[in-house]
PDB file of N, CA and C in Angstrom:
ATOM      1  N   ARG A   1       0.942  -0.987  -0.049  1.00  0.00           N
ATOM      2  CA  ARG A   1      -0.309   0.014  -0.029  1.00  0.00           C
ATOM      3  C   ARG A   1       1.004   1.209   0.116  1.00  0.00           C
ATOM      4  N   TRP A   2       1.891   1.030   0.517  1.00  0.00           N
ATOM      5  CA  TRP A   2       2.709   2.903   0.576  1.00  0.00           C
ATOM      6  C   TRP A   2       3.801   2.368  -0.382  1.00  0.00           C
ATOM      7  N   PRO A   3       3.613   2.875  -1.465  1.00  0.00           N
ATOM      8  CA  PRO A   3       4.788   2.666  -2.518  1.00  0.00           C
ATOM      9  C   PRO A   3       6.083   3.683  -2.044  1.00  0.00           C
ATOM     10  N   ILE A   4       6.926   2.976  -2.633  1.00  0.00           N
ATOM     11  CA  ILE A   4       8.136   3.960  -2.029  1.00  0.00           C
ATOM     12  C   ILE A   4       9.029   4.166  -3.742  1.00  0.00           C
ATOM     13  N   LEU A   5       9.203   5.341  -3.961  1.00  0.00           N
ATOM     14  CA  LEU A   5       9.908   5.962  -4.907  1.00  0.00           C
ATOM     15  C   LEU A   5      11.273   6.034  -4.814  1.00  0.00           C
ATOM     16  N   PRO A   6      12.327   6.109  -5.695  1.00  0.00           N
ATOM     17  CA  PRO A   6      13.625   6.416  -5.408  1.00  0.00           C
ATOM     18  C   PRO A   6      13.387   7.990  -5.887  1.00  0.00           C
ATOM     19  N   ALA A   7      14.383   8.623  -5.002  1.00  0.00           N
ATOM     20  CA  ALA A   7      14.073  10.114  -4.714  1.00  0.00           C
ATOM     21  C   ALA A   7      14.185  10.909  -6.096  1.00  0.00           C
ATOM     22  N   ASP A   8      14.709  10.105  -7.306  1.00  0.00           N
ATOM     23  CA  ASP A   8      15.180  10.912  -8.423  1.00  0.00           C
ATOM     24  C   ASP A   8      13.717  10.362  -9.525  1.00  0.00           C
ATOM     25  N   GLU A   9      13.013   9.610  -8.780  1.00  0.00           N
ATOM     26  CA  GLU A   9      11.754   9.461  -9.847  1.00  0.00           C
ATOM     27  C   GLU A   9      10.479  10.459  -9.683  1.00  0.00           C
ATOM     28  N   PRO A  10       9.767  10.634 -10.789  1.00  0.00           N
ATOM     29  CA  PRO A  10       8.869  11.756 -10.688  1.00  0.00           C
ATOM     30  C   PRO A  10       7.690  10.947 -10.164  1.00  0.00           C
ATOM     31  N   ALA A  11       6.714  11.743  -9.501  1.00  0.00           N
ATOM     32  CA  ALA A  11       5.421  11.200  -8.929  1.00  0.00           C
ATOM     33  C   ALA A  11       4.598  10.251  -9.855  1.00  0.00           C
ATOM     34  N   GLU A  12       4.689  10.462 -11.001  1.00  0.00           N
ATOM     35  CA  GLU A  12       3.843   9.854 -12.225  1.00  0.00           C
ATOM     36  C   GLU A  12       4.332   8.534 -12.126  1.00  0.00           C
ATOM     37  N   ALA A  13       5.698   7.942 -11.507  1.00  0.00           N
ATOM     38  CA  ALA A  13       6.294   6.888 -11.615  1.00  0.00           C
ATOM     39  C   ALA A  13       5.288   5.871 -10.436  1.00  0.00           C
ATOM     40  N   GLN A  14       4.642   6.186  -9.777  1.00  0.00           N
ATOM     41  CA  GLN A  14       4.045   5.491  -8.829  1.00  0.00           C
ATOM     42  C   GLN A  14       3.793   4.082  -9.268  1.00  0.00           C
ATOM     43  N   GLN A  15       2.610   3.975 -10.540  1.00  0.00           N
ATOM     44  CA  GLN A  15       2.381   2.696 -10.862  1.00  0.00           C
ATOM     45  C   GLN A  15       3.353   1.969 -11.973  1.00  0.00           C
ATOM     46  N   ASP A  16       4.573   2.793 -11.974  1.00  0.00           N
ATOM     47  CA  ASP A  16       5.662   1.804 -12.928  1.00  0.00           C
ATOM     48  C   ASP A  16       6.368   0.734 -11.877  1.00  0.00           C
ATOM     49  N   GLU A  17       6.760  -0.116 -12.918  1.00  0.00           N
ATOM     50  CA  GLU A  17       7.564  -1.290 -11.915  1.00  0.00           C
ATOM     51  C   GLU A  17       8.904  -0.816 -11.345  1.00  0.00           C
ATOM     52  N   THR A  18       9.346   0.360 -11.362  1.00  0.00           N
ATOM     53  CA  THR A  18      10.372   0.902 -10.548  1.00  0.00           C
ATOM     54  C   THR A  18      10.017   0.916  -8.968  1.00  0.00           C
ATOM     55  N   THR A  19       8.948   1.149  -8.727  1.00  0.00           N
ATOM     56  CA  THR A  19       8.740   1.106  -7.505  1.00  0.00           C
ATOM     57  C   THR A  19       8.457  -0.067  -6.625  1.00  0.00           C
ATOM     58  N   THR A  20       8.923  -0.220  -5.392  1.00  0.00           N
ATOM     59  CA  THR A  20       8.869  -1.048  -4.706  1.00  0.00           C
ATOM     60  C   THR A  20       7.853  -1.103  -3.400  1.00  0.00           C
ATOM     61  N   PRO A  21       6.684  -1.762  -3.540  1.00  0.00           N
ATOM     62  CA  PRO A  21       5.967  -1.739  -2.304  1.00  0.00           C
ATOM     63  C   PRO A  21       6.065  -2.027  -1.111  1.00  0.00           C
ATOM     64  N   VAL A  22       5.417  -1.680  -0.137  1.00  0.00           N
ATOM     65  CA  VAL A  22       5.862  -2.023   1.233  1.00  0.00           C
ATOM     66  C   VAL A  22       5.208  -3.376   1.581  1.00  0.00           C
ATOM     67  N   ASN A  23       5.590  -4.599   1.663  1.00  0.00           N
ATOM     68  CA  ASN A  23       5.361  -5.811   1.951  1.00  0.00           C
ATOM     69  C   ASN A  23       4.547  -5.816   3.426  1.00  0.00           C
ATOM     70  N   GLU A  24       3.737  -7.047   3.578  1.00  0.00           N
ATOM     71  CA  GLU A  24       2.977  -7.158   4.893  1.00  0.00           C
ATOM     72  C   GLU A  24       4.126  -7.466   5.970  1.00  0.00           C
ATOM     73  N   PHE A  25       5.122  -7.894   5.835  1.00  0.00           N
ATOM     74  CA  PHE A  25       6.295  -8.081   6.800  1.00  0.00           C
ATOM     75  C   PHE A  25       6.947  -6.781   7.161  1.00  0.00           C
ATOM     76  N   ASP A  26       7.060  -5.805   6.124  1.00  0.00           N
ATOM     77  CA  ASP A  26       7.768  -4.346   6.344  1.00  0.00           C
ATOM     78  C   ASP A  26       6.599  -3.620   7.132  1.00  0.00           C
ATOM     79  N   ARG A  27       5.419  -3.878   6.940  1.00  0.00           N
ATOM     80  CA  ARG A  27       4.440  -3.173   7.834  1.00  0.00           C
ATOM     81  C   ARG A  27       4.333  -3.423   8.826  1.00  0.00           C
ATOM     82  N   ALA A  28       4.327  -4.695   9.208  1.00  0.00           N
ATOM     83  CA  ALA A  28       4.551  -5.083  10.550  1.00  0.00           C
ATOM     84  C   ALA A  28       5.783  -4.644  11.349  1.00  0.00           C
ATOM     85  N   HIS A  29       6.700  -4.629  10.706  1.00  0.00           N
ATOM     86  CA  HIS A  29       7.964  -4.159  11.286  1.00  0.00           C
ATOM     87  C   HIS A  29       7.558  -2.531  11.897  1.00  0.00           C
ATOM     88  N   ILE A  30       7.387  -2.059  10.584  1.00  0.00           N
ATOM     89  CA  ILE A  30       6.947  -0.485  10.956  1.00  0.00           C
ATOM     90  C   ILE A  30       5.937  -0.442  12.158  1.00  0.00           C
ATOM     91  N   TRP A  31       5.108  -1.143  12.199  1.00  0.00           N
ATOM     92  CA  TRP A  31       3.812  -0.939  13.215  1.00  0.00           C
ATOM     93  C   TRP A  31       4.699  -1.271  14.576  1.00  0.00           C
ATOM     94  N   GLN A  32       5.569  -2.278  14.653  1.00  0.00           N
ATOM     95  CA  GLN A  32       6.193  -2.739  16.146  1.00  0.00           C
ATOM     96  C   GLN A  32       7.339  -1.486  16.460  1.00  0.00           C
ATOM     97  N   SER A  33       7.681  -0.780  15.384  1.00  0.00           N
ATOM     98  CA  SER A  33       8.639   0.142  15.886  1.00  0.00           C
ATOM     99  C   SER A  33       8.044   1.696  16.678  1.00  0.00           C
ATOM    100  N   LEU A  34       6.651   1.512  16.602  1.00  0.00           N
ATOM    101  CA  LEU A  34       5.828   2.729  16.765  1.00  0.00           C
ATOM    102  C   LEU A  34       5.027   2.346  17.934  1.00  0.00           C
ATOM    103  N   SER A  35       4.767   2.988  18.930  1.00  0.00           N
ATOM    104  CA  SER A  35       3.921   2.779  19.830  1.00  0.00           C
ATOM    105  C   SER A  35       2.643   3.694  20.082  1.00  0.00           C
ATOM    106  N   LEU A  36       2.032   2.990  18.871  1.00  0.00           N
ATOM    107  CA  LEU A  36       0.516   3.680  18.798  1.00  0.00           C
ATOM    108  C   LEU A  36      -0.606   2.663  19.043  1.00  0.00           C
ATOM    109  N   THR A  37      -1.726   3.347  19.199  1.00  0.00           N
ATOM    110  CA  THR A  37      -2.824   2.506  19.456  1.00  0.00           C
ATOM    111  C   THR A  37      -3.351   1.700  18.280  1.00  0.00           C
ATOM    112  N   PRO A  38      -4.167   0.819  18.244  1.00  0.00           N
ATOM    113  CA  PRO A  38      -4.678   0.324  17.064  1.00  0.00           C
ATOM    114  C   PRO A  38      -5.597   1.184  16.043  1.00  0.00           C
ATOM    115  N   ARG A  39      -6.235   2.287  16.951  1.00  0.00           N
ATOM    116  CA  ARG A  39      -6.942   3.466  16.184  1.00  0.00           C
ATOM    117  C   ARG A  39      -6.061   4.456  15.623  1.00  0.00           C
ATOM    118  N   GLU A  40      -5.043   4.869  16.215  1.00  0.00           N
ATOM    119  CA  GLU A  40      -3.840   5.599  15.778  1.00  0.00           C
ATOM    120  C   GLU A  40      -3.160   5.022  14.634  1.00  0.00           C
ATOM    121  N   LYS A  41      -2.978   3.803  14.367  1.00  0.00           N
ATOM    122  CA  LYS A  41      -2.400   3.358  13.504  1.00  0.00           C
ATOM    123  C   LYS A  41      -3.487   3.039  12.075  1.00  0.00           C
ATOM    124  N   HIS A  42      -4.885   3.184  12.624  1.00  0.00           N
ATOM    125  CA  HIS A  42      -5.770   3.274  11.212  1.00  0.00           C
ATOM    126  C   HIS A  42      -5.475   4.402  10.648  1.00  0.00           C
ATOM    127  N   VAL A  43      -5.637   5.481  11.729  1.00  0.00           N
ATOM    128  CA  VAL A  43      -5.669   6.919  11.183  1.00  0.00           C
ATOM    129  C   VAL A  43      -4.367   7.389  10.394  1.00  0.00           C
ATOM    130  N   VAL A  44      -3.135   6.639  10.826  1.00  0.00           N
ATOM    131  CA  VAL A  44      -1.811   7.181  10.249  1.00  0.00           C
ATOM    132  C   VAL A  44      -1.957   6.303   8.650  1.00  0.00           C
ATOM    133  N   ASP A  45      -2.434   4.993   8.620  1.00  0.00           N
ATOM    134  CA  ASP A  45      -2.771   4.487   7.380  1.00  0.00           C
ATOM    135  C   ASP A  45      -3.415   4.986   6.545  1.00  0.00           C
ATOM    136  N   LEU A  46      -4.627   5.719   7.040  1.00  0.00           N
ATOM    137  CA  LEU A  46      -5.622   6.521   5.949  1.00  0.00           C
ATOM    138  C   LEU A  46      -4.884   7.778   5.635  1.00  0.00           C
ATOM    139  N   VAL A  47      -4.192   8.137   6.543  1.00  0.00           N
ATOM    140  CA  VAL A  47      -3.414   9.727   6.232  1.00  0.00           C
ATOM    141  C   VAL A  47      -2.346   9.613   4.891  1.00  0.00           C
ATOM    142  N   LEU A  48      -1.772   8.254   5.247  1.00  0.00           N
ATOM    143  CA  LEU A  48      -0.546   7.790   4.272  1.00  0.00           C
ATOM    144  C   LEU A  48      -1.308   7.685   2.966  1.00  0.00           C
ATOM    145  N   GLN A  49      -2.533   7.146   2.749  1.00  0.00           N
ATOM    146  CA  GLN A  49      -2.987   6.755   1.803  1.00  0.00           C
ATOM    147  C   GLN A  49      -3.688   8.053   1.054  1.00  0.00           C
ATOM    148  N   GLY A  50      -3.569   9.279   1.644  1.00  0.00           N
ATOM    149  CA  GLY A  50      -3.965  10.534   1.392  1.00  0.00           C
ATOM    150  C   GLY A  50      -5.844  10.722   1.682  1.00  0.00           C
ATOM    151  N   HIS A  51      -5.920  10.518   2.564  1.00  0.00           N
ATOM    152  CA  HIS A  51      -7.110  10.862   3.152  1.00  0.00           C
ATOM    153  C   HIS A  51      -7.405  12.099   3.886  1.00  0.00           C
ATOM    154  N   SER A  52      -8.402  12.579   3.643  1.00  0.00           N
ATOM    155  CA  SER A  52      -8.798  13.948   4.356  1.00  0.00           C
ATOM    156  C   SER A  52      -9.054  13.632   6.267  1.00  0.00           C
ATOM    157  N   THR A  53      -9.131  14.706   6.963  1.00  0.00           N
ATOM    158  CA  THR A  53      -9.753  14.373   8.089  1.00  0.00           C
ATOM    159  C   THR A  53     -11.218  13.937   8.246  1.00  0.00           C
ATOM    160  N   GLU A  54     -12.158  14.349   7.159  1.00  0.00           N
ATOM    161  CA  GLU A  54     -13.420  14.048   7.143  1.00  0.00           C
ATOM    162  C   GLU A  54     -13.375  12.981   6.412  1.00  0.00           C
ATOM    163  N   SER A  55     -12.773  12.571   5.561  1.00  0.00           N
ATOM    164  CA  SER A  55     -12.806  11.233   4.959  1.00  0.00           C
ATOM    165  C   SER A  55     -12.206   9.857   5.847  1.00  0.00           C
ATOM    166  N   ILE A  56     -11.298  10.367   6.824  1.00  0.00           N
ATOM    167  CA  ILE A  56     -11.184   9.290   7.735  1.00  0.00           C
ATOM    168  C   ILE A  56     -12.021   9.047   8.770  1.00  0.00           C
ATOM    169  N   ALA A  57     -12.889  10.092   9.126  1.00  0.00           N
ATOM    170  CA  ALA A  57     -13.891   9.867  10.017  1.00  0.00           C
ATOM    171  C   ALA A  57     -14.991   9.192   9.692  1.00  0.00           C
ATOM    172  N   ARG A  58     -15.361   9.588   8.215  1.00  0.00           N
ATOM    173  CA  ARG A  58     -16.235   8.792   7.716  1.00  0.00           C
ATOM    174  C   ARG A  58     -16.190   7.262   7.674  1.00  0.00           C
ATOM    175  N   ALA A  59     -14.614   6.911   7.278  1.00  0.00           N
ATOM    176  CA  ALA A  59     -14.230   5.422   7.217  1.00  0.00           C
ATOM    177  C   ALA A  59     -14.436   4.834   8.628  1.00  0.00           C
ATOM    178  N   MET A  60     -13.740   5.336   9.659  1.00  0.00           N
ATOM    179  CA  MET A  60     -13.877   4.928  10.811  1.00  0.00           C
ATOM    180  C   MET A  60     -15.037   5.093  11.575  1.00  0.00           C
ATOM    181  N   ARG A  61     -15.932   5.912  11.020  1.00  0.00           N
ATOM    182  CA  ARG A  61     -17.368   6.139  11.952  1.00  0.00           C
ATOM    183  C   ARG A  61     -17.254   6.774  13.177  1.00  0.00           C
ATOM    184  N   ILE A  62     -16.448   7.800  12.856  1.00  0.00           N
ATOM    185  CA  ILE A  62     -16.037   8.771  14.257  1.00  0.00           C
ATOM    186  C   ILE A  62     -16.196  10.297  13.726  1.00  0.00           C
ATOM    187  N   VAL A  63     -16.358  11.095  14.436  1.00  0.00           N
ATOM    188  CA  VAL A  63     -16.598  12.555  14.146  1.00  0.00           C
ATOM    189  C   VAL A  63     -15.151  12.807  13.845  1.00  0.00           C
ATOM    190  N   PRO A  64     -15.184  14.125  12.997  1.00  0.00           N
ATOM    191  CA  PRO A  64     -13.635  14.415  12.652  1.00  0.00           C
ATOM    192  C   PRO A  64     -12.794  15.303  13.903  1.00  0.00           C
ATOM    193  N   GLY A  65     -13.792  15.538  14.880  1.00  0.00           N
ATOM    194  CA  GLY A  65     -12.950  16.017  15.933  1.00  0.00           C
ATOM    195  C   GLY A  65     -12.072  14.999  16.718  1.00  0.00           C
ATOM    196  N   THR A  66     -13.081  13.488  16.646  1.00  0.00           N
ATOM    197  CA  THR A  66     -11.665  12.594  16.990  1.00  0.00           C
ATOM    198  C   THR A  66     -10.768  12.387  16.495  1.00  0.00           C
ATOM    199  N   VAL A  67     -11.017  12.234  15.188  1.00  0.00           N
ATOM    200  CA  VAL A  67      -9.689  12.129  14.350  1.00  0.00           C
ATOM    201  C   VAL A  67      -8.810  13.365  14.495  1.00  0.00           C
ATOM    202  N   LYS A  68      -9.064  14.487  14.468  1.00  0.00           N
ATOM    203  CA  LYS A  68      -7.961  15.293  15.271  1.00  0.00           C
ATOM    204  C   LYS A  68      -7.147  14.860  16.401  1.00  0.00           C
ATOM    205  N   VAL A  69      -7.902  14.663  17.251  1.00  0.00           N
ATOM    206  CA  VAL A  69      -7.540  14.195  18.594  1.00  0.00           C
ATOM    207  C   VAL A  69      -6.559  13.056  18.449  1.00  0.00           C
ATOM    208  N   HIS A  70      -6.770  12.037  17.389  1.00  0.00           N
ATOM    209  CA  HIS A  70      -6.041  10.685  17.151  1.00  0.00           C
ATOM    210  C   HIS A  70      -4.502  11.395  16.509  1.00  0.00           C
ATOM    211  N   ARG A  71      -4.848  12.329  15.675  1.00  0.00           N
ATOM    212  CA  ARG A  71      -3.766  12.798  14.807  1.00  0.00           C
ATOM    213  C   ARG A  71      -2.706  13.628  15.873  1.00  0.00           C
ATOM    214  N   ARG A  72      -3.122  14.672  16.938  1.00  0.00           N
ATOM    215  CA  ARG A  72      -2.735  15.130  17.727  1.00  0.00           C
ATOM    216  C   ARG A  72      -1.649  14.027  18.640  1.00  0.00           C
ATOM    217  N   ASN A  73      -2.337  13.231  19.130  1.00  0.00           N
ATOM    218  CA  ASN A  73      -1.874  11.975  19.539  1.00  0.00           C
ATOM    219  C   ASN A  73      -0.458  11.490  18.944  1.00  0.00           C
ATOM    220  N   ILE A  74      -0.777  11.107  17.839  1.00  0.00           N
ATOM    221  CA  ILE A  74       0.172  10.467  16.767  1.00  0.00           C
ATOM    222  C   ILE A  74       1.412  11.388  16.818  1.00  0.00           C
ATOM    223  N   TYR A  75       1.078  12.864  16.580  1.00  0.00           N
ATOM    224  CA  TYR A  75       1.899  13.482  16.163  1.00  0.00           C
ATOM    225  C   TYR A  75       2.969  13.980  17.524  1.00  0.00           C
ATOM    226  N   ARG A  76       2.228  13.893  18.830  1.00  0.00           N
ATOM    227  CA  ARG A  76       3.188  13.815  20.026  1.00  0.00           C
ATOM    228  C   ARG A  76       3.962  12.753  20.065  1.00  0.00           C
ATOM    229  N   LYS A  77       3.443  11.708  19.738  1.00  0.00           N
ATOM    230  CA  LYS A  77       4.150  10.348  20.196  1.00  0.00           C
ATOM    231  C   LYS A  77       5.147  10.290  19.065  1.00  0.00           C
ATOM    232  N   LEU A  78       5.052  10.315  17.964  1.00  0.00           N
ATOM    233  CA  LEU A  78       6.322  10.326  16.738  1.00  0.00           C
ATOM    234  C   LEU A  78       7.239  11.960  17.096  1.00  0.00           C
ATOM    235  N   LYS A  79       6.763  12.713  17.709  1.00  0.00           N
ATOM    236  CA  LYS A  79       7.502  13.929  17.748  1.00  0.00           C
ATOM    237  C   LYS A  79       7.773  14.764  16.747  1.00  0.00           C
ATOM    238  N   ILE A  80       6.553  14.922  15.925  1.00  0.00           N
ATOM    239  CA  ILE A  80       6.382  15.414  14.709  1.00  0.00           C
ATOM    240  C   ILE A  80       5.346  16.678  15.011  1.00  0.00           C
ATOM    241  N   LYS A  81       5.193  17.806  14.059  1.00  0.00           N
ATOM    242  CA  LYS A  81       4.506  18.888  13.931  1.00  0.00           C
ATOM    243  C   LYS A  81       3.414  18.769  13.011  1.00  0.00           C
ATOM    244  N   SER A  82       3.343  17.948  12.298  1.00  0.00           N
ATOM    245  CA  SER A  82       2.493  18.127  11.104  1.00  0.00           C
ATOM    246  C   SER A  82       2.430  17.039  10.369  1.00  0.00           C
ATOM    247  N   GLN A  83       1.458  16.943   9.146  1.00  0.00           N
ATOM    248  CA  GLN A  83       1.181  15.754   8.418  1.00  0.00           C
ATOM    249  C   GLN A  83       2.504  15.518   7.311  1.00  0.00           C
ATOM    250  N   ALA A  84       3.207  16.422   7.058  1.00  0.00           N
ATOM    251  CA  ALA A  84       4.263  16.527   6.452  1.00  0.00           C
ATOM    252  C   ALA A  84       5.571  15.680   7.165  1.00  0.00           C
ATOM    253  N   GLY A  85       5.556  16.222   8.332  1.00  0.00           N
ATOM    254  CA  GLY A  85       6.376  15.542   9.198  1.00  0.00           C
ATOM    255  C   GLY A  85       6.128  13.971   9.264  1.00  0.00           C
ATOM    256  N   LEU A  86       4.695  13.360   9.348  1.00  0.00           N
ATOM    257  CA  LEU A  86       4.244  11.902   9.458  1.00  0.00           C
ATOM    258  C   LEU A  86       4.917  11.473   8.060  1.00  0.00           C
ATOM    259  N   PHE A  87       4.835  12.166   6.792  1.00  0.00           N
ATOM    260  CA  PHE A  87       5.416  11.338   5.993  1.00  0.00           C
ATOM    261  C   PHE A  87       6.619  11.196   5.923  1.00  0.00           C
ATOM    262  N   ALA A  88       7.448  12.337   6.364  1.00  0.00           N
ATOM    263  CA  ALA A  88       8.884  12.228   6.437  1.00  0.00           C
ATOM    264  C   ALA A  88       9.341  10.970   7.428  1.00  0.00           C
ATOM    265  N   ARG A  89       8.491  10.979   8.659  1.00  0.00           N
ATOM    266  CA  ARG A  89       8.960   9.905   9.666  1.00  0.00           C
ATOM    267  C   ARG A  89       8.903   8.527   8.704  1.00  0.00           C
ATOM    268  N   PHE A  90       7.663   8.266   8.076  1.00  0.00           N
ATOM    269  CA  PHE A  90       7.582   7.063   7.431  1.00  0.00           C
ATOM    270  C   PHE A  90       8.536   6.572   6.597  1.00  0.00           C
ATOM    271  N   VAL A  91       9.031   7.667   5.798  1.00  0.00           N
ATOM    272  CA  VAL A  91      10.070   7.408   4.906  1.00  0.00           C
ATOM    273  C   VAL A  91      11.269   7.132   5.433  1.00  0.00           C
ATOM    274  N   GLU A  92      11.758   7.916   6.781  1.00  0.00           N
ATOM    275  CA  GLU A  92      12.883   7.439   7.315  1.00  0.00           C
ATOM    276  C   GLU A  92      12.825   6.193   7.964  1.00  0.00           C
ATOM    277  N   ILE A  93      11.765   5.557   8.388  1.00  0.00           N
ATOM    278  CA  ILE A  93      11.665   4.137   8.874  1.00  0.00           C
ATOM    279  C   ILE A  93      11.596   3.193   8.128  1.00  0.00           C
ATOM    280  N   ILE A  94      11.029   3.631   6.606  1.00  0.00           N
ATOM    281  CA  ILE A  94      11.084   2.552   5.504  1.00  0.00           C
ATOM    282  C   ILE A  94      12.444   2.469   5.110  1.00  0.00           C
ATOM    283  N   ASP A  95      13.046   3.680   4.844  1.00  0.00           N
ATOM    284  CA  ASP A  95      14.494   3.982   4.430  1.00  0.00           C
ATOM    285  C   ASP A  95      15.354   3.009   5.234  1.00  0.00           C
ATOM    286  N   ALA A  96      15.144   2.830   6.503  1.00  0.00           N
ATOM    287  CA  ALA A  96      16.034   2.305   7.547  1.00  0.00           C
ATOM    288  C   ALA A  96      16.008   0.797   7.326  1.00  0.00           C
ATOM    289  N   ARG A  97      14.823   0.493   7.205  1.00  0.00           N
ATOM    290  CA  ARG A  97      14.264  -0.892   7.222  1.00  0.00           C
ATOM    291  C   ARG A  97      15.236  -1.368   5.684  1.00  0.00           C
ATOM    292  N   ILE A  98      15.043  -0.558   4.731  1.00  0.00           N
ATOM    293  CA  ILE A  98      15.678  -0.923   3.311  1.00  0.00           C
ATOM    294  C   ILE A  98      17.086  -1.276   3.591  1.00  0.00           C
ATOM    295  N   ARG A  99      17.524  -0.328   4.149  1.00  0.00           N
ATOM    296  CA  ARG A  99      19.099  -0.296   4.304  1.00  0.00           C
ATOM    297  C   ARG A  99      19.599  -1.468   5.245  1.00  0.00           C
ATOM    298  N   GLN A 100      18.787  -1.914   6.193  1.00  0.00           N
ATOM    299  CA  GLN A 100      18.972  -2.871   7.239  1.00  0.00           C
ATOM    300  C   GLN A 100      18.722  -4.085   6.356  1.00  0.00           C
ATOM    301  N   ASP A 101      17.981  -4.490   5.318  1.00  0.00           N
ATOM    302  CA  ASP A 101      17.780  -5.648   4.776  1.00  0.00           C
ATOM    303  C   ASP A 101      17.532  -5.187   3.285  1.00  0.00           C
ATOM    304  N   PRO A 102      18.676  -5.310   2.536  1.00  0.00           N
ATOM    305  CA  PRO A 102      18.556  -4.992   1.133  1.00  0.00           C
ATOM    306  C   PRO A 102      18.175  -5.862   0.092  1.00  0.00           C
TER     307      PRO A 102
END
């Protein structure tokens, strides 16, 4: 679900065979490295897929305010300040995983 693009590839290449998807083993490793609740992990997963707060609320059948609370808790736990920081943190985690097991 979370495609990884080489830094020099344009965004249009996401569907190209040059992308490397994150497999289930990698996803499990990523989740284990984070101290998030199952609901927070669900929010992160939806954010990384590009969903808005309102879309996440509909998907999880909660109000947007609850999504915002989850996001604040996620940002605090991951020591980030924004959605861009969330993406950057996951790129760091995935990059470290790839370097660990090329």
